Amino acid sequence: MWLDSVDVRNLIFIDETKLNLARIRRYGRGFGGKRVNDDRPGNKGKSVTLIDAISDEGLIATMTFQGALNTAGLFVFIEQVLLPA
C-alpha cells in the first residue's frame, strides 16, 4: 500500500473547529433523577473559530478569530502563522 511508504515526519495536519460562546446544553441530569433548572443566555452569542496545525512532534501553530473560516482566513493562517513556525 502506498501509505506505508509515507514518512509521517513530513505530514502536517490542519484542524479547524468553531465554538459558540453562548451555546449551552438544553438538558441536564440531576442527582436522584431530580429536575435541573438554570439560567441560559437569551442571545445567540458570537462564534469563535480555532484553527491549528499538528505534526508528529505536537502542536506547531494555532490561531483564533471571530466568525467562520473561509478561504481568505485559511490563507492568512498558512502564510502568517504556519509558514513562519
PDB file of N, CA and C in Angstrom:
ATOM      1  N   MET A   1       0.842  -1.181   0.000  1.00  0.00           N
ATOM      2  CA  MET A   1       0.000   0.000   0.000  1.00  0.00           C
ATOM      3  C   MET A   1       0.888   1.247   0.000  1.00  0.00           C
ATOM      4  N   TRP A   2       0.531   2.259  -0.759  1.00  0.00           N
ATOM      5  CA  TRP A   2       1.352   3.450  -0.901  1.00  0.00           C
ATOM      6  C   TRP A   2       1.483   4.206   0.411  1.00  0.00           C
ATOM      7  N   LEU A   3       0.515   4.107   1.277  1.00  0.00           N
ATOM      8  CA  LEU A   3       0.541   4.843   2.538  1.00  0.00           C
ATOM      9  C   LEU A   3       1.662   4.365   3.457  1.00  0.00           C
ATOM     10  N   ASP A   4       2.058   3.116   3.336  1.00  0.00           N
ATOM     11  CA  ASP A   4       3.150   2.594   4.152  1.00  0.00           C
ATOM     12  C   ASP A   4       4.484   3.251   3.825  1.00  0.00           C
ATOM     13  N   SER A   5       4.612   3.826   2.635  1.00  0.00           N
ATOM     14  CA  SER A   5       5.871   4.456   2.235  1.00  0.00           C
ATOM     15  C   SER A   5       5.952   5.935   2.633  1.00  0.00           C
ATOM     16  N   VAL A   6       4.886   6.490   3.201  1.00  0.00           N
ATOM     17  CA  VAL A   6       4.867   7.904   3.588  1.00  0.00           C
ATOM     18  C   VAL A   6       5.554   8.068   4.943  1.00  0.00           C
ATOM     19  N   ASP A   7       6.484   9.015   5.004  1.00  0.00           N
ATOM     20  CA  ASP A   7       7.169   9.328   6.257  1.00  0.00           C
ATOM     21  C   ASP A   7       6.301  10.307   7.045  1.00  0.00           C
ATOM     22  N   VAL A   8       5.808   9.893   8.219  1.00  0.00           N
ATOM     23  CA  VAL A   8       4.893  10.733   8.997  1.00  0.00           C
ATOM     24  C   VAL A   8       5.551  12.020   9.475  1.00  0.00           C
ATOM     25  N   ARG A   9       6.882  12.070   9.500  1.00  0.00           N
ATOM     26  CA  ARG A   9       7.568  13.300   9.904  1.00  0.00           C
ATOM     27  C   ARG A   9       7.382  14.411   8.877  1.00  0.00           C
ATOM     28  N   ASN A  10       6.929  14.073   7.671  1.00  0.00           N
ATOM     29  CA  ASN A  10       6.688  15.063   6.627  1.00  0.00           C
ATOM     30  C   ASN A  10       5.235  15.515   6.555  1.00  0.00           C
ATOM     31  N   LEU A  11       4.391  15.017   7.436  1.00  0.00           N
ATOM     32  CA  LEU A  11       2.970  15.347   7.388  1.00  0.00           C
ATOM     33  C   LEU A  11       2.617  16.414   8.412  1.00  0.00           C
ATOM     34  N   ILE A  12       1.748  17.327   8.007  1.00  0.00           N
ATOM     35  CA  ILE A  12       1.175  18.327   8.906  1.00  0.00           C
ATOM     36  C   ILE A  12      -0.332  18.277   8.728  1.00  0.00           C
ATOM     37  N   PHE A  13      -1.038  18.157   9.835  1.00  0.00           N
ATOM     38  CA  PHE A  13      -2.490  18.091   9.808  1.00  0.00           C
ATOM     39  C   PHE A  13      -3.056  19.420  10.288  1.00  0.00           C
ATOM     40  N   ILE A  14      -3.978  19.974   9.497  1.00  0.00           N
ATOM     41  CA  ILE A  14      -4.630  21.230   9.860  1.00  0.00           C
ATOM     42  C   ILE A  14      -6.041  20.892  10.316  1.00  0.00           C
ATOM     43  N   ASP A  15      -6.407  21.419  11.493  1.00  0.00           N
ATOM     44  CA  ASP A  15      -7.710  21.145  12.081  1.00  0.00           C
ATOM     45  C   ASP A  15      -8.397  22.463  12.404  1.00  0.00           C
ATOM     46  N   GLU A  16      -9.702  22.492  12.222  1.00  0.00           N
ATOM     47  CA  GLU A  16     -10.483  23.700  12.471  1.00  0.00           C
ATOM     48  C   GLU A  16     -11.749  23.327  13.222  1.00  0.00           C
ATOM     49  N   THR A  17     -12.112  24.154  14.184  1.00  0.00           N
ATOM     50  CA  THR A  17     -13.362  23.961  14.901  1.00  0.00           C
ATOM     51  C   THR A  17     -13.967  25.317  15.224  1.00  0.00           C
ATOM     52  N   LYS A  18     -15.289  25.343  15.369  1.00  0.00           N
ATOM     53  CA  LYS A  18     -15.995  26.581  15.675  1.00  0.00           C
ATOM     54  C   LYS A  18     -16.685  26.423  17.025  1.00  0.00           C
ATOM     55  N   LEU A  19     -16.591  27.432  17.850  1.00  0.00           N
ATOM     56  CA  LEU A  19     -17.222  27.431  19.164  1.00  0.00           C
ATOM     57  C   LEU A  19     -18.191  28.590  19.241  1.00  0.00           C
ATOM     58  N   ASN A  20     -19.343  28.348  19.825  1.00  0.00           N
ATOM     59  CA  ASN A  20     -20.283  29.425  20.080  1.00  0.00           C
ATOM     60  C   ASN A  20     -20.249  29.711  21.573  1.00  0.00           C
ATOM     61  N   LEU A  21     -19.918  30.942  21.934  1.00  0.00           N
ATOM     62  CA  LEU A  21     -19.707  31.283  23.333  1.00  0.00           C
ATOM     63  C   LEU A  21     -20.983  31.244  24.169  1.00  0.00           C
ATOM     64  N   ALA A  22     -22.150  31.275  23.538  1.00  0.00           N
ATOM     65  CA  ALA A  22     -23.407  31.242  24.281  1.00  0.00           C
ATOM     66  C   ALA A  22     -24.059  29.862  24.232  1.00  0.00           C
ATOM     67  N   ARG A  23     -23.419  28.914  23.600  1.00  0.00           N
ATOM     68  CA  ARG A  23     -24.029  27.590  23.454  1.00  0.00           C
ATOM     69  C   ARG A  23     -24.031  26.854  24.785  1.00  0.00           C
ATOM     70  N   ILE A  24     -25.164  26.305  25.108  1.00  0.00           N
ATOM     71  CA  ILE A  24     -25.301  25.568  26.358  1.00  0.00           C
ATOM     72  C   ILE A  24     -26.089  24.296  26.103  1.00  0.00           C
ATOM     73  N   ARG A  25     -26.056  23.412  27.055  1.00  0.00           N
ATOM     74  CA  ARG A  25     -26.877  22.210  26.971  1.00  0.00           C
ATOM     75  C   ARG A  25     -28.331  22.567  27.265  1.00  0.00           C
ATOM     76  N   ARG A  26     -29.232  21.938  26.569  1.00  0.00           N
ATOM     77  CA  ARG A  26     -30.655  22.165  26.811  1.00  0.00           C
ATOM     78  C   ARG A  26     -31.206  21.242  27.890  1.00  0.00           C
ATOM     79  N   TYR A  27     -30.500  20.170  28.157  1.00  0.00           N
ATOM     80  CA  TYR A  27     -30.974  19.195  29.133  1.00  0.00           C
ATOM     81  C   TYR A  27     -29.854  18.881  30.114  1.00  0.00           C
ATOM     82  N   GLY A  28     -30.224  18.486  31.298  1.00  0.00           N
ATOM     83  CA  GLY A  28     -29.236  18.103  32.301  1.00  0.00           C
ATOM     84  C   GLY A  28     -29.771  16.962  33.144  1.00  0.00           C
ATOM     85  N   ARG A  29     -28.869  16.308  33.842  1.00  0.00           N
ATOM     86  CA  ARG A  29     -29.258  15.215  34.731  1.00  0.00           C
ATOM     87  C   ARG A  29     -28.886  15.595  36.149  1.00  0.00           C
ATOM     88  N   GLY A  30     -29.856  15.564  37.027  1.00  0.00           N
ATOM     89  CA  GLY A  30     -29.626  15.879  38.428  1.00  0.00           C
ATOM     90  C   GLY A  30     -29.477  14.604  39.246  1.00  0.00           C
ATOM     91  N   PHE A  31     -28.979  14.774  40.448  1.00  0.00           N
ATOM     92  CA  PHE A  31     -28.825  13.640  41.347  1.00  0.00           C
ATOM     93  C   PHE A  31     -30.191  13.069  41.718  1.00  0.00           C
ATOM     94  N   GLY A  32     -30.297  11.771  41.707  1.00  0.00           N
ATOM     95  CA  GLY A  32     -31.539  11.097  42.095  1.00  0.00           C
ATOM     96  C   GLY A  32     -32.690  11.343  41.141  1.00  0.00           C
ATOM     97  N   GLY A  33     -32.398  11.692  39.903  1.00  0.00           N
ATOM     98  CA  GLY A  33     -33.454  11.914  38.916  1.00  0.00           C
ATOM     99  C   GLY A  33     -34.177  13.234  39.069  1.00  0.00           C
ATOM    100  N   LYS A  34     -33.659  14.134  39.885  1.00  0.00           N
ATOM    101  CA  LYS A  34     -34.308  15.425  40.094  1.00  0.00           C
ATOM    102  C   LYS A  34     -34.109  16.327  38.887  1.00  0.00           C
ATOM    103  N   ARG A  35     -35.072  17.216  38.682  1.00  0.00           N
ATOM    104  CA  ARG A  35     -35.028  18.151  37.571  1.00  0.00           C
ATOM    105  C   ARG A  35     -33.908  19.179  37.767  1.00  0.00           C
ATOM    106  N   VAL A  36     -33.264  19.581  36.666  1.00  0.00           N
ATOM    107  CA  VAL A  36     -32.202  20.579  36.700  1.00  0.00           C
ATOM    108  C   VAL A  36     -32.760  21.882  36.151  1.00  0.00           C
ATOM    109  N   ASN A  37     -32.642  22.959  36.921  1.00  0.00           N
ATOM    110  CA  ASN A  37     -33.086  24.285  36.491  1.00  0.00           C
ATOM    111  C   ASN A  37     -31.915  25.241  36.568  1.00  0.00           C
ATOM    112  N   ASP A  38     -31.746  26.039  35.517  1.00  0.00           N
ATOM    113  CA  ASP A  38     -30.671  27.008  35.497  1.00  0.00           C
ATOM    114  C   ASP A  38     -30.989  28.069  34.455  1.00  0.00           C
ATOM    115  N   ASP A  39     -30.318  29.211  34.552  1.00  0.00           N
ATOM    116  CA  ASP A  39     -30.485  30.273  33.560  1.00  0.00           C
ATOM    117  C   ASP A  39     -29.690  29.941  32.316  1.00  0.00           C
ATOM    118  N   ARG A  40     -30.107  30.531  31.203  1.00  0.00           N
ATOM    119  CA  ARG A  40     -29.353  30.381  29.962  1.00  0.00           C
ATOM    120  C   ARG A  40     -29.364  31.717  29.230  1.00  0.00           C
ATOM    121  N   PRO A  41     -28.350  31.964  28.402  1.00  0.00           N
ATOM    122  CA  PRO A  41     -28.285  33.244  27.685  1.00  0.00           C
ATOM    123  C   PRO A  41     -29.468  33.402  26.735  1.00  0.00           C
ATOM    124  N   GLY A  42     -29.953  34.631  26.616  1.00  0.00           N
ATOM    125  CA  GLY A  42     -31.067  34.900  25.722  1.00  0.00           C
ATOM    126  C   GLY A  42     -30.626  35.213  24.303  1.00  0.00           C
ATOM    127  N   ASN A  43     -29.347  35.538  24.108  1.00  0.00           N
ATOM    128  CA  ASN A  43     -28.873  35.862  22.758  1.00  0.00           C
ATOM    129  C   ASN A  43     -28.162  34.669  22.146  1.00  0.00           C
ATOM    130  N   LYS A  44     -27.887  34.754  20.856  1.00  0.00           N
ATOM    131  CA  LYS A  44     -27.224  33.655  20.157  1.00  0.00           C
ATOM    132  C   LYS A  44     -25.728  33.614  20.423  1.00  0.00           C
ATOM    133  N   GLY A  45     -25.147  34.718  20.816  1.00  0.00           N
ATOM    134  CA  GLY A  45     -23.716  34.733  21.109  1.00  0.00           C
ATOM    135  C   GLY A  45     -22.874  34.829  19.851  1.00  0.00           C
ATOM    136  N   LYS A  46     -21.592  35.011  20.068  1.00  0.00           N
ATOM    137  CA  LYS A  46     -20.655  35.140  18.955  1.00  0.00           C
ATOM    138  C   LYS A  46     -19.927  33.824  18.747  1.00  0.00           C
ATOM    139  N   SER A  47     -19.560  33.570  17.511  1.00  0.00           N
ATOM    140  CA  SER A  47     -18.805  32.364  17.183  1.00  0.00           C
ATOM    141  C   SER A  47     -17.321  32.685  17.112  1.00  0.00           C
ATOM    142  N   VAL A  48     -16.521  31.752  17.589  1.00  0.00           N
ATOM    143  CA  VAL A  48     -15.070  31.872  17.539  1.00  0.00           C
ATOM    144  C   VAL A  48     -14.539  30.650  16.810  1.00  0.00           C
ATOM    145  N   THR A  49     -13.634  30.857  15.866  1.00  0.00           N
ATOM    146  CA  THR A  49     -13.025  29.761  15.132  1.00  0.00           C
ATOM    147  C   THR A  49     -11.611  29.542  15.650  1.00  0.00           C
ATOM    148  N   LEU A  50     -11.266  28.281  15.857  1.00  0.00           N
ATOM    149  CA  LEU A  50      -9.926  27.888  16.265  1.00  0.00           C
ATOM    150  C   LEU A  50      -9.363  27.018  15.158  1.00  0.00           C
ATOM    151  N   ILE A  51      -8.185  27.371  14.664  1.00  0.00           N
ATOM    152  CA  ILE A  51      -7.522  26.578  13.627  1.00  0.00           C
ATOM    153  C   ILE A  51      -6.097  26.314  14.107  1.00  0.00           C
ATOM    154  N   ASP A  52      -5.642  25.083  13.915  1.00  0.00           N
ATOM    155  CA  ASP A  52      -4.301  24.739  14.349  1.00  0.00           C
ATOM    156  C   ASP A  52      -3.662  23.749  13.393  1.00  0.00           C
ATOM    157  N   ALA A  53      -2.351  23.603  13.543  1.00  0.00           N
ATOM    158  CA  ALA A  53      -1.574  22.660  12.741  1.00  0.00           C
ATOM    159  C   ALA A  53      -0.820  21.745  13.696  1.00  0.00           C
ATOM    160  N   ILE A  54      -0.862  20.443  13.417  1.00  0.00           N
ATOM    161  CA  ILE A  54      -0.258  19.434  14.276  1.00  0.00           C
ATOM    162  C   ILE A  54       0.639  18.542  13.432  1.00  0.00           C
ATOM    163  N   SER A  55       1.816  18.225  13.969  1.00  0.00           N
ATOM    164  CA  SER A  55       2.708  17.266  13.324  1.00  0.00           C
ATOM    165  C   SER A  55       2.939  16.106  14.285  1.00  0.00           C
ATOM    166  N   ASP A  56       3.821  15.195  13.921  1.00  0.00           N
ATOM    167  CA  ASP A  56       4.106  14.071  14.812  1.00  0.00           C
ATOM    168  C   ASP A  56       4.825  14.523  16.081  1.00  0.00           C
ATOM    169  N   GLU A  57       5.375  15.737  16.071  1.00  0.00           N
ATOM    170  CA  GLU A  57       6.055  16.271  17.253  1.00  0.00           C
ATOM    171  C   GLU A  57       5.130  17.076  18.155  1.00  0.00           C
ATOM    172  N   GLY A  58       3.910  17.335  17.715  1.00  0.00           N
ATOM    173  CA  GLY A  58       2.953  18.082  18.528  1.00  0.00           C
ATOM    174  C   GLY A  58       2.401  19.293  17.798  1.00  0.00           C
ATOM    175  N   LEU A  59       1.870  20.222  18.586  1.00  0.00           N
ATOM    176  CA  LEU A  59       1.243  21.430  18.063  1.00  0.00           C
ATOM    177  C   LEU A  59       2.293  22.360  17.474  1.00  0.00           C
ATOM    178  N   ILE A  60       2.071  22.802  16.239  1.00  0.00           N
ATOM    179  CA  ILE A  60       3.015  23.689  15.558  1.00  0.00           C
ATOM    180  C   ILE A  60       2.551  25.138  15.633  1.00  0.00           C
ATOM    181  N   ALA A  61       1.294  25.375  15.267  1.00  0.00           N
ATOM    182  CA  ALA A  61       0.780  26.742  15.194  1.00  0.00           C
ATOM    183  C   ALA A  61      -0.707  26.732  15.493  1.00  0.00           C
ATOM    184  N   THR A  62      -1.195  27.843  16.042  1.00  0.00           N
ATOM    185  CA  THR A  62      -2.623  27.962  16.332  1.00  0.00           C
ATOM    186  C   THR A  62      -3.067  29.410  16.149  1.00  0.00           C
ATOM    187  N   MET A  63      -4.340  29.589  15.797  1.00  0.00           N
ATOM    188  CA  MET A  63      -4.886  30.926  15.590  1.00  0.00           C
ATOM    189  C   MET A  63      -6.374  30.895  15.910  1.00  0.00           C
ATOM    190  N   THR A  64      -6.876  31.932  16.557  1.00  0.00           N
ATOM    191  CA  THR A  64      -8.304  32.066  16.804  1.00  0.00           C
ATOM    192  C   THR A  64      -8.777  33.394  16.227  1.00  0.00           C
ATOM    193  N   PHE A  65     -10.028  33.423  15.800  1.00  0.00           N
ATOM    194  CA  PHE A  65     -10.611  34.659  15.313  1.00  0.00           C
ATOM    195  C   PHE A  65     -12.124  34.550  15.363  1.00  0.00           C
ATOM    196  N   GLN A  66     -12.783  35.711  15.354  1.00  0.00           N
ATOM    197  CA  GLN A  66     -14.241  35.733  15.384  1.00  0.00           C
ATOM    198  C   GLN A  66     -14.806  35.433  14.018  1.00  0.00           C
ATOM    199  N   GLY A  67     -15.908  34.677  13.994  1.00  0.00           N
ATOM    200  CA  GLY A  67     -16.570  34.354  12.744  1.00  0.00           C
ATOM    201  C   GLY A  67     -16.166  32.994  12.210  1.00  0.00           C
ATOM    202  N   ALA A  68     -16.599  32.714  10.997  1.00  0.00           N
ATOM    203  CA  ALA A  68     -16.352  31.414  10.377  1.00  0.00           C
ATOM    204  C   ALA A  68     -15.093  31.449   9.515  1.00  0.00           C
ATOM    205  N   LEU A  69     -14.500  30.283   9.334  1.00  0.00           N
ATOM    206  CA  LEU A  69     -13.313  30.159   8.482  1.00  0.00           C
ATOM    207  C   LEU A  69     -13.731  30.155   7.014  1.00  0.00           C
ATOM    208  N   ASN A  70     -13.020  30.935   6.211  1.00  0.00           N
ATOM    209  CA  ASN A  70     -13.219  30.926   4.766  1.00  0.00           C
ATOM    210  C   ASN A  70     -11.850  30.791   4.099  1.00  0.00           C
ATOM    211  N   THR A  71     -11.811  30.835   2.801  1.00  0.00           N
ATOM    212  CA  THR A  71     -10.558  30.656   2.070  1.00  0.00           C
ATOM    213  C   THR A  71      -9.533  31.716   2.455  1.00  0.00           C
ATOM    214  N   ALA A  72      -9.959  32.957   2.555  1.00  0.00           N
ATOM    215  CA  ALA A  72      -9.034  34.035   2.913  1.00  0.00           C
ATOM    216  C   ALA A  72      -8.453  33.806   4.305  1.00  0.00           C
ATOM    217  N   GLY A  73      -9.287  33.389   5.251  1.00  0.00           N
ATOM    218  CA  GLY A  73      -8.810  33.113   6.604  1.00  0.00           C
ATOM    219  C   GLY A  73      -7.822  31.962   6.647  1.00  0.00           C
ATOM    220  N   LEU A  74      -8.054  30.937   5.833  1.00  0.00           N
ATOM    221  CA  LEU A  74      -7.131  29.804   5.766  1.00  0.00           C
ATOM    222  C   LEU A  74      -5.781  30.240   5.205  1.00  0.00           C
ATOM    223  N   PHE A  75      -5.785  31.070   4.160  1.00  0.00           N
ATOM    224  CA  PHE A  75      -4.531  31.558   3.587  1.00  0.00           C
ATOM    225  C   PHE A  75      -3.768  32.436   4.586  1.00  0.00           C
ATOM    226  N   VAL A  76      -4.482  33.247   5.365  1.00  0.00           N
ATOM    227  CA  VAL A  76      -3.828  34.060   6.397  1.00  0.00           C
ATOM    228  C   VAL A  76      -3.150  33.151   7.409  1.00  0.00           C
ATOM    229  N   PHE A  77      -3.846  32.103   7.844  1.00  0.00           N
ATOM    230  CA  PHE A  77      -3.259  31.164   8.800  1.00  0.00           C
ATOM    231  C   PHE A  77      -2.002  30.515   8.229  1.00  0.00           C
ATOM    232  N   ILE A  78      -2.084  30.035   7.007  1.00  0.00           N
ATOM    233  CA  ILE A  78      -0.943  29.347   6.401  1.00  0.00           C
ATOM    234  C   ILE A  78       0.234  30.299   6.205  1.00  0.00           C
ATOM    235  N   GLU A  79      -0.022  31.476   5.619  1.00  0.00           N
ATOM    236  CA  GLU A  79       1.068  32.396   5.263  1.00  0.00           C
ATOM    237  C   GLU A  79       1.663  33.121   6.469  1.00  0.00           C
ATOM    238  N   GLN A  80       0.822  33.539   7.424  1.00  0.00           N
ATOM    239  CA  GLN A  80       1.313  34.384   8.509  1.00  0.00           C
ATOM    240  C   GLN A  80       1.572  33.659   9.816  1.00  0.00           C
ATOM    241  N   VAL A  81       0.995  32.464   9.982  1.00  0.00           N
ATOM    242  CA  VAL A  81       1.158  31.743  11.245  1.00  0.00           C
ATOM    243  C   VAL A  81       1.918  30.434  11.057  1.00  0.00           C
ATOM    244  N   LEU A  82       1.460  29.597  10.130  1.00  0.00           N
ATOM    245  CA  LEU A  82       2.047  28.272   9.962  1.00  0.00           C
ATOM    246  C   LEU A  82       3.436  28.311   9.314  1.00  0.00           C
ATOM    247  N   LEU A  83       3.579  28.991   8.189  1.00  0.00           N
ATOM    248  CA  LEU A  83       4.867  29.005   7.497  1.00  0.00           C
ATOM    249  C   LEU A  83       5.999  29.598   8.330  1.00  0.00           C
ATOM    250  N   PRO A  84       5.789  30.697   9.050  1.00  0.00           N
ATOM    251  CA  PRO A  84       6.868  31.196   9.915  1.00  0.00           C
ATOM    252  C   PRO A  84       7.236  30.212  11.053  1.00  0.00           C
ATOM    253  N   ALA A  85       6.281  29.410  11.482  1.00  0.00           N
ATOM    254  CA  ALA A  85       6.555  28.454  12.561  1.00  0.00           C
ATOM    255  C   ALA A  85       7.368  27.287  12.034  1.00  0.00           C
TER     256      ALA A  85
END
